[in-house]
Structure formats: C-alpha cells, structure tokens
Amino acid sequence: MPALTATTRFFQRGTTKVYFLPTIAAVNLTPTRPEITAGTDLSAEIADLAGWAVGVDMIDVPDLGSRFTAQINGSIKPEQSSITFYGDVGGADARTNLPVDQAGFIVFMDGGDVPTKKLDAYPVKVASHSKLRTLTNAFQITISFSITKAPGENLTIPA
C-alpha cells in the first residue's frame, strides 16, 4: 500500500490570506486575478476564525435483519461561520467594509496568495456584528456570515 505524500507543514499566521471579494463570475467559484485585486485583504485585522467547513448529516438506515444501524450520507451543510476582527476606537474597522446584509465571497488562501496553490471560496452574506467587550483583551468584533451556496473548494489560485 502506498504511503501518503509527505506534507510541507506550516503555521497559518503570517501565511494564510483571507479576502472579501464583491464578485466571482465563474460558476465553479474560481476568482480571476482582477476579481482578487478588486477585493479587500482582511488578513491583518483577523483575530480569530470559526467554522468555514462543510459537513454532512448522517441518516440512520436500520433494518429488521440486523441489530446494527447503518448510515448513509444526507444533507450537506456548512458550519456556522464567523471571523473575529480587531475593532477601532473610532469605528473605522471591518464593520465599514462588511455591513450587515453585504453579499460577496470570503476566500481563503491557506498557502498564501501564490499562483498554482489552492484556495476555497465561500459565497456569503453578512449576518451580524457582535462586539466582544472584555477587560483583558483588545476590543474585537465578531462578524457572522451565512454561507449562501456550496463553496468552491481546492481551486487553483490564478496568476
């Protein structure tokens, strides 16, 4: 049995790029370089990420012939997804670029914005802004997103 190809492991901070793109024309959600250039690089203001994965509901399919309950794949759906940004004392932060109800695409380039590497593109709509108030951390805003269609995954970053 062949072994998995050895990976080049990396630390995401300082490497991964996250963009908000207003449009992606391609049906498979691969953005063009002009669409990426027209987007907003969110990376330097991100404090944390949550969700951004797609899962499947399992459906139990028991039968009278066995005590074992088998399963089949059911609905495919995204996890609840959000990005936590640092807030600005004057309010000039991610809330300006990502107002509630803004539609577009969140694009993750885990290996950096490097042509021929991979990206994931999520069609989204901004759902809410939640302010995180604490006495021990910098002021932050969590922006929640609804993922409106199936994401484009493992797409090639254009030159």
C-alpha atoms as a PDB file:
ATOM      1  CA  MET A   1       0.000   0.000   0.000  1.00  0.00           C
ATOM      2  CA  PRO A   2       1.487   3.387  -0.955  1.00  0.00           C
ATOM      3  CA  ALA A   3       2.099   5.979   1.751  1.00  0.00           C
ATOM      4  CA  LEU A   4       0.653   9.481   1.726  1.00  0.00           C
ATOM      5  CA  THR A   5       2.872  12.108   0.132  1.00  0.00           C
ATOM      6  CA  ALA A   6       4.937  13.905   2.770  1.00  0.00           C
ATOM      7  CA  THR A   7       3.498  17.332   3.595  1.00  0.00           C
ATOM      8  CA  THR A   8       5.293  20.641   3.965  1.00  0.00           C
ATOM      9  CA  ARG A   9       3.831  21.769   7.266  1.00  0.00           C
ATOM     10  CA  PHE A  10       3.317  25.424   8.050  1.00  0.00           C
ATOM     11  CA  PHE A  11       1.978  27.833  10.635  1.00  0.00           C
ATOM     12  CA  GLN A  12      -1.083  29.674   9.321  1.00  0.00           C
ATOM     13  CA  ARG A  13      -0.400  33.044  10.970  1.00  0.00           C
ATOM     14  CA  GLY A  14       1.692  35.072   8.576  1.00  0.00           C
ATOM     15  CA  THR A  15       0.979  32.704   5.665  1.00  0.00           C
ATOM     16  CA  THR A  16      -2.789  32.354   5.134  1.00  0.00           C
ATOM     17  CA  LYS A  17      -4.556  35.138   3.268  1.00  0.00           C
ATOM     18  CA  VAL A  18      -8.270  35.884   3.659  1.00  0.00           C
ATOM     19  CA  TYR A  19     -10.041  38.170   1.195  1.00  0.00           C
ATOM     20  CA  PHE A  20     -13.554  39.514   0.788  1.00  0.00           C
ATOM     21  CA  LEU A  21     -14.432  39.676  -2.913  1.00  0.00           C
ATOM     22  CA  PRO A  22     -17.537  41.530  -4.090  1.00  0.00           C
ATOM     23  CA  THR A  23     -17.916  39.285  -7.144  1.00  0.00           C
ATOM     24  CA  ILE A  24     -16.768  35.996  -8.631  1.00  0.00           C
ATOM     25  CA  ALA A  25     -18.190  35.340 -12.091  1.00  0.00           C
ATOM     26  CA  ALA A  26     -17.097  31.714 -12.580  1.00  0.00           C
ATOM     27  CA  VAL A  27     -19.699  29.049 -11.826  1.00  0.00           C
ATOM     28  CA  ASN A  28     -17.071  26.912 -10.049  1.00  0.00           C
ATOM     29  CA  LEU A  29     -16.140  29.986  -7.906  1.00  0.00           C
ATOM     30  CA  THR A  30     -12.524  30.279  -9.083  1.00  0.00           C
ATOM     31  CA  PRO A  31     -11.825  34.014  -8.948  1.00  0.00           C
ATOM     32  CA  THR A  32      -9.819  35.769 -11.636  1.00  0.00           C
ATOM     33  CA  ARG A  33      -6.791  37.868 -10.699  1.00  0.00           C
ATOM     34  CA  PRO A  34      -8.756  41.122 -11.391  1.00  0.00           C
ATOM     35  CA  GLU A  35     -11.548  39.875  -9.060  1.00  0.00           C
ATOM     36  CA  ILE A  36      -8.961  39.199  -6.341  1.00  0.00           C
ATOM     37  CA  THR A  37      -7.376  42.617  -6.889  1.00  0.00           C
ATOM     38  CA  ALA A  38     -10.821  44.252  -6.571  1.00  0.00           C
ATOM     39  CA  GLY A  39     -11.345  42.533  -3.211  1.00  0.00           C
ATOM     40  CA  THR A  40     -10.313  43.506   0.313  1.00  0.00           C
ATOM     41  CA  ASP A  41      -7.458  41.734   2.116  1.00  0.00           C
ATOM     42  CA  LEU A  42      -8.839  41.066   5.615  1.00  0.00           C
ATOM     43  CA  SER A  43      -5.829  39.107   6.885  1.00  0.00           C
ATOM     44  CA  ALA A  44      -4.042  41.694   9.044  1.00  0.00           C
ATOM     45  CA  GLU A  45      -7.173  42.562  11.067  1.00  0.00           C
ATOM     46  CA  ILE A  46      -8.306  38.994  11.847  1.00  0.00           C
ATOM     47  CA  ALA A  47      -8.031  37.923  15.492  1.00  0.00           C
ATOM     48  CA  ASP A  48      -9.788  34.551  15.103  1.00  0.00           C
ATOM     49  CA  LEU A  49     -11.816  32.332  12.774  1.00  0.00           C
ATOM     50  CA  ALA A  50     -14.617  29.866  13.474  1.00  0.00           C
ATOM     51  CA  GLY A  51     -16.429  27.416  11.206  1.00  0.00           C
ATOM     52  CA  TRP A  52     -15.597  27.622   7.491  1.00  0.00           C
ATOM     53  CA  ALA A  53     -16.119  23.924   6.921  1.00  0.00           C
ATOM     54  CA  VAL A  54     -18.765  21.827   5.224  1.00  0.00           C
ATOM     55  CA  GLY A  55     -20.175  18.720   6.843  1.00  0.00           C
ATOM     56  CA  VAL A  56     -22.800  16.114   6.148  1.00  0.00           C
ATOM     57  CA  ASP A  57     -25.767  14.954   8.180  1.00  0.00           C
ATOM     58  CA  MET A  58     -25.863  11.188   8.550  1.00  0.00           C
ATOM     59  CA  ILE A  59     -29.154   9.358   8.123  1.00  0.00           C
ATOM     60  CA  ASP A  60     -29.736   6.164  10.095  1.00  0.00           C
ATOM     61  CA  VAL A  61     -30.976   3.268   7.941  1.00  0.00           C
ATOM     62  CA  PRO A  62     -31.885   0.428  10.314  1.00  0.00           C
ATOM     63  CA  ASP A  63     -33.343  -2.794   9.039  1.00  0.00           C
ATOM     64  CA  LEU A  64     -35.100  -5.691  10.703  1.00  0.00           C
ATOM     65  CA  GLY A  65     -32.408  -8.167   9.634  1.00  0.00           C
ATOM     66  CA  SER A  66     -29.732  -6.765  11.967  1.00  0.00           C
ATOM     67  CA  ARG A  67     -29.239  -5.039  15.303  1.00  0.00           C
ATOM     68  CA  PHE A  68     -26.616  -2.856  13.598  1.00  0.00           C
ATOM     69  CA  THR A  69     -27.846   0.530  12.376  1.00  0.00           C
ATOM     70  CA  ALA A  70     -26.058   1.526   9.199  1.00  0.00           C
ATOM     71  CA  GLN A  71     -25.881   5.119   7.962  1.00  0.00           C
ATOM     72  CA  ILE A  72     -25.983   6.891   4.612  1.00  0.00           C
ATOM     73  CA  ASN A  73     -24.932  10.398   3.664  1.00  0.00           C
ATOM     74  CA  GLY A  74     -27.647  13.026   4.000  1.00  0.00           C
ATOM     75  CA  SER A  75     -27.770  16.797   3.644  1.00  0.00           C
ATOM     76  CA  ILE A  76     -24.558  18.708   3.079  1.00  0.00           C
ATOM     77  CA  LYS A  77     -24.408  21.937   5.067  1.00  0.00           C
ATOM     78  CA  PRO A  78     -21.900  24.492   6.309  1.00  0.00           C
ATOM     79  CA  GLU A  79     -20.931  25.043   9.902  1.00  0.00           C
ATOM     80  CA  GLN A  80     -21.871  28.349  11.487  1.00  0.00           C
ATOM     81  CA  SER A  81     -19.036  30.599  10.360  1.00  0.00           C
ATOM     82  CA  SER A  82     -17.560  33.846  11.631  1.00  0.00           C
ATOM     83  CA  ILE A  83     -14.460  35.989  11.615  1.00  0.00           C
ATOM     84  CA  THR A  84     -13.387  37.970  14.671  1.00  0.00           C
ATOM     85  CA  PHE A  85     -11.709  41.274  13.817  1.00  0.00           C
ATOM     86  CA  TYR A  86      -9.949  43.875  15.896  1.00  0.00           C
ATOM     87  CA  GLY A  87     -12.132  46.918  16.488  1.00  0.00           C
ATOM     88  CA  ASP A  88     -11.147  50.556  16.038  1.00  0.00           C
ATOM     89  CA  VAL A  89     -11.804  53.137  18.755  1.00  0.00           C
ATOM     90  CA  GLY A  90     -13.428  55.390  16.126  1.00  0.00           C
ATOM     91  CA  GLY A  91     -15.356  52.576  14.433  1.00  0.00           C
ATOM     92  CA  ALA A  92     -13.215  52.525  11.242  1.00  0.00           C
ATOM     93  CA  ASP A  93     -12.848  48.753  11.163  1.00  0.00           C
ATOM     94  CA  ALA A  94     -14.274  45.676   9.412  1.00  0.00           C
ATOM     95  CA  ARG A  95     -17.820  46.887  10.056  1.00  0.00           C
ATOM     96  CA  THR A  96     -17.224  49.552   7.393  1.00  0.00           C
ATOM     97  CA  ASN A  97     -16.308  47.023   4.665  1.00  0.00           C
ATOM     98  CA  LEU A  98     -18.667  44.281   5.831  1.00  0.00           C
ATOM     99  CA  PRO A  99     -22.013  45.842   6.784  1.00  0.00           C
ATOM    100  CA  VAL A 100     -24.918  43.588   7.738  1.00  0.00           C
ATOM    101  CA  ASP A 101     -26.595  42.107   4.625  1.00  0.00           C
ATOM    102  CA  GLN A 102     -23.492  42.677   2.443  1.00  0.00           C
ATOM    103  CA  ALA A 103     -23.169  39.781  -0.024  1.00  0.00           C
ATOM    104  CA  GLY A 104     -19.921  38.587  -1.569  1.00  0.00           C
ATOM    105  CA  PHE A 105     -17.293  35.889  -1.188  1.00  0.00           C
ATOM    106  CA  ILE A 106     -14.852  35.019   1.579  1.00  0.00           C
ATOM    107  CA  VAL A 107     -11.744  33.494   0.007  1.00  0.00           C
ATOM    108  CA  PHE A 108      -9.159  31.538   1.985  1.00  0.00           C
ATOM    109  CA  MET A 109      -5.672  31.062   0.527  1.00  0.00           C
ATOM    110  CA  ASP A 110      -4.111  28.825   3.157  1.00  0.00           C
ATOM    111  CA  GLY A 111      -0.685  28.726   1.495  1.00  0.00           C
ATOM    112  CA  GLY A 112      -0.703  32.472   0.784  1.00  0.00           C
ATOM    113  CA  ASP A 113      -1.666  34.346  -2.364  1.00  0.00           C
ATOM    114  CA  VAL A 114       0.621  32.274  -4.567  1.00  0.00           C
ATOM    115  CA  PRO A 115      -0.447  31.275  -8.091  1.00  0.00           C
ATOM    116  CA  THR A 116      -0.939  27.499  -8.565  1.00  0.00           C
ATOM    117  CA  LYS A 117      -1.558  26.956  -4.820  1.00  0.00           C
ATOM    118  CA  LYS A 118      -5.109  26.270  -3.596  1.00  0.00           C
ATOM    119  CA  LEU A 119      -7.986  28.424  -2.382  1.00  0.00           C
ATOM    120  CA  ASP A 120     -11.506  27.963  -1.040  1.00  0.00           C
ATOM    121  CA  ALA A 121     -14.262  30.457  -1.934  1.00  0.00           C
ATOM    122  CA  TYR A 122     -17.431  30.769   0.157  1.00  0.00           C
ATOM    123  CA  PRO A 123     -20.461  32.686  -1.153  1.00  0.00           C
ATOM    124  CA  VAL A 124     -21.638  34.641   1.889  1.00  0.00           C
ATOM    125  CA  LYS A 125     -23.947  37.262   3.292  1.00  0.00           C
ATOM    126  CA  VAL A 126     -23.009  39.201   6.423  1.00  0.00           C
ATOM    127  CA  ALA A 127     -25.457  38.153   9.140  1.00  0.00           C
ATOM    128  CA  SER A 128     -24.437  40.129  12.224  1.00  0.00           C
ATOM    129  CA  HIS A 129     -21.834  42.140  14.110  1.00  0.00           C
ATOM    130  CA  SER A 130     -21.195  41.179  17.739  1.00  0.00           C
ATOM    131  CA  LYS A 131     -18.990  43.339  19.932  1.00  0.00           C
ATOM    132  CA  LEU A 132     -16.755  41.441  22.339  1.00  0.00           C
ATOM    133  CA  ARG A 133     -16.260  43.525  25.431  1.00  0.00           C
ATOM    134  CA  THR A 134     -13.644  42.438  27.950  1.00  0.00           C
ATOM    135  CA  LEU A 135     -11.187  43.948  30.395  1.00  0.00           C
ATOM    136  CA  THR A 136      -8.336  41.671  29.348  1.00  0.00           C
ATOM    137  CA  ASN A 137      -8.150  41.798  25.519  1.00  0.00           C
ATOM    138  CA  ALA A 138      -8.204  44.353  22.725  1.00  0.00           C
ATOM    139  CA  PHE A 139     -11.697  45.342  21.560  1.00  0.00           C
ATOM    140  CA  GLN A 140     -12.960  42.898  18.933  1.00  0.00           C
ATOM    141  CA  ILE A 141     -15.972  42.446  16.667  1.00  0.00           C
ATOM    142  CA  THR A 142     -17.184  39.026  15.553  1.00  0.00           C
ATOM    143  CA  ILE A 143     -18.849  39.148  12.161  1.00  0.00           C
ATOM    144  CA  SER A 144     -21.087  36.147  11.467  1.00  0.00           C
ATOM    145  CA  PHE A 145     -21.738  35.010   7.913  1.00  0.00           C
ATOM    146  CA  SER A 146     -24.423  32.884   6.323  1.00  0.00           C
ATOM    147  CA  ILE A 147     -22.955  30.662   3.618  1.00  0.00           C
ATOM    148  CA  THR A 148     -25.478  31.008   0.823  1.00  0.00           C
ATOM    149  CA  LYS A 149     -24.338  28.321  -1.641  1.00  0.00           C
ATOM    150  CA  ALA A 150     -21.901  25.425  -1.791  1.00  0.00           C
ATOM    151  CA  PRO A 151     -18.325  26.712  -1.574  1.00  0.00           C
ATOM    152  CA  GLY A 152     -15.694  26.196  -4.234  1.00  0.00           C
ATOM    153  CA  GLU A 153     -13.000  24.110  -2.574  1.00  0.00           C
ATOM    154  CA  ASN A 154      -9.422  23.261  -3.562  1.00  0.00           C
ATOM    155  CA  LEU A 155      -9.450  25.660  -6.514  1.00  0.00           C
ATOM    156  CA  THR A 156      -6.232  26.885  -8.136  1.00  0.00           C
ATOM    157  CA  ILE A 157      -5.108  30.438  -7.407  1.00  0.00           C
ATOM    158  CA  PRO A 158      -4.774  32.317 -10.707  1.00  0.00           C
ATOM    159  CA  ALA A 159      -1.602  34.043 -11.901  1.00  0.00           C
END
